[in-house]
Amino acid sequence: MPLYLVTRPKGAEQLKNPAAVHAALVDAADAPAAIAAANDLTPQLNTPFAGFDTTQVAATAAGSFVPCVFQGDALGTAYTGPGRGA
């Protein structure tokens, strides 16, 4: 399955959560499934990735890949490429 980076859209301060979990790296069939997979990683946070952007970063995940979440932003504020708006 493709590998997706799930990130908080640029300027979407309202989507921050108290745990500071603002990004995830997951393997999923498509973008909506990536959001669901990211939310599944943090069931105690009540769907913290709703409304987030998804960017496919690889066609397939490596054999030893483990889905993960990031505390803080995975992309810097100056980044304006895919998954971060303009």
Protein backbone atom coordinates (compact mmCIF):
# COMPACT_ATOMS: atom_id res chain seq x y z
CA MET A 1 0.00 0.00 0.00
CA PRO A 2 1.11 3.61 -0.53
CA LEU A 3 2.72 5.57 2.28
CA TYR A 4 0.99 8.80 3.32
CA LEU A 5 2.07 11.77 5.40
CA VAL A 6 -0.94 13.23 7.23
CA THR A 7 -0.34 16.86 8.24
CA ARG A 8 -2.21 19.77 9.75
CA PRO A 9 -2.95 22.31 6.99
CA LYS A 10 -0.92 25.53 7.11
CA GLY A 11 -2.69 28.18 9.16
CA ALA A 12 -5.16 25.72 10.69
CA GLU A 13 -4.38 26.58 14.29
CA GLN A 14 -7.90 25.44 15.24
CA LEU A 15 -6.89 21.85 14.45
CA LYS A 16 -4.18 21.71 17.12
CA ASN A 17 -4.90 19.29 19.95
CA PRO A 18 -3.72 19.26 23.59
CA ALA A 19 -1.42 16.29 22.98
CA ALA A 20 0.46 18.25 20.25
CA VAL A 21 -0.08 15.36 17.83
CA HIS A 22 -0.13 17.16 14.49
CA ALA A 23 1.12 14.62 11.91
CA ALA A 24 1.23 10.92 11.13
CA LEU A 25 2.97 8.59 8.69
CA VAL A 26 0.75 5.65 7.67
CA ASP A 27 0.29 3.12 4.90
CA ALA A 28 -3.20 3.14 3.40
CA ALA A 29 -5.11 2.44 0.20
CA ASP A 30 -6.00 6.11 -0.39
CA ALA A 31 -6.16 9.53 1.26
CA PRO A 32 -9.42 8.99 3.22
CA ALA A 33 -8.09 5.65 4.47
CA ALA A 34 -4.88 7.43 5.55
CA ILE A 35 -6.90 9.81 7.73
CA ALA A 36 -8.76 6.85 9.26
CA ALA A 37 -5.49 4.97 9.86
CA ALA A 38 -3.95 8.03 11.54
CA ASN A 39 -7.00 8.42 13.79
CA ASP A 40 -6.79 4.71 14.68
CA LEU A 41 -3.28 5.33 16.06
CA THR A 42 -4.66 7.78 18.63
CA PRO A 43 -8.07 6.50 19.78
CA GLN A 44 -7.85 8.44 23.04
CA LEU A 45 -7.77 11.78 21.16
CA ASN A 46 -11.17 11.55 19.42
CA THR A 47 -10.18 11.77 15.70
CA PRO A 48 -7.42 14.39 15.90
CA PHE A 49 -6.65 14.08 12.18
CA ALA A 50 -10.10 15.07 10.88
CA GLY A 51 -9.68 17.86 8.33
CA PHE A 52 -5.97 17.24 7.85
CA ASP A 53 -4.09 17.09 4.53
CA THR A 54 -2.66 13.88 3.09
CA THR A 55 0.36 13.57 0.82
CA GLN A 56 1.46 10.29 -0.74
CA VAL A 57 5.20 10.10 -0.06
CA ALA A 58 5.97 6.62 -1.44
CA ALA A 59 4.32 4.06 -3.70
CA THR A 60 4.85 1.34 -1.08
CA ALA A 61 6.07 1.19 2.49
CA ALA A 62 9.28 -0.70 3.31
CA GLY A 63 8.84 -4.15 4.81
CA SER A 64 9.74 -3.02 8.31
CA PHE A 65 7.59 0.14 8.26
CA VAL A 66 5.58 0.90 11.41
CA PRO A 67 2.87 3.61 11.32
CA CYS A 68 3.62 6.51 13.66
CA VAL A 69 2.41 9.89 14.88
CA PHE A 70 4.45 13.06 15.46
CA GLN A 71 4.22 15.46 18.33
CA GLY A 72 4.47 18.92 16.81
CA ASP A 73 4.44 19.79 13.12
CA ALA A 74 6.19 17.47 10.69
CA LEU A 75 6.58 20.28 8.13
CA GLY A 76 8.14 23.64 8.89
CA THR A 77 6.07 26.80 8.63
CA ALA A 78 8.05 27.94 5.57
CA TYR A 79 7.18 24.77 3.61
CA THR A 80 4.49 25.44 0.98
CA GLY A 81 4.63 22.25 -1.09
CA PRO A 82 2.12 19.39 -1.32
CA GLY A 83 0.12 18.83 1.82
CA ARG A 84 0.72 22.28 3.29
CA GLY A 85 -1.27 24.73 1.18
CA ALA A 86 0.18 27.90 -0.27
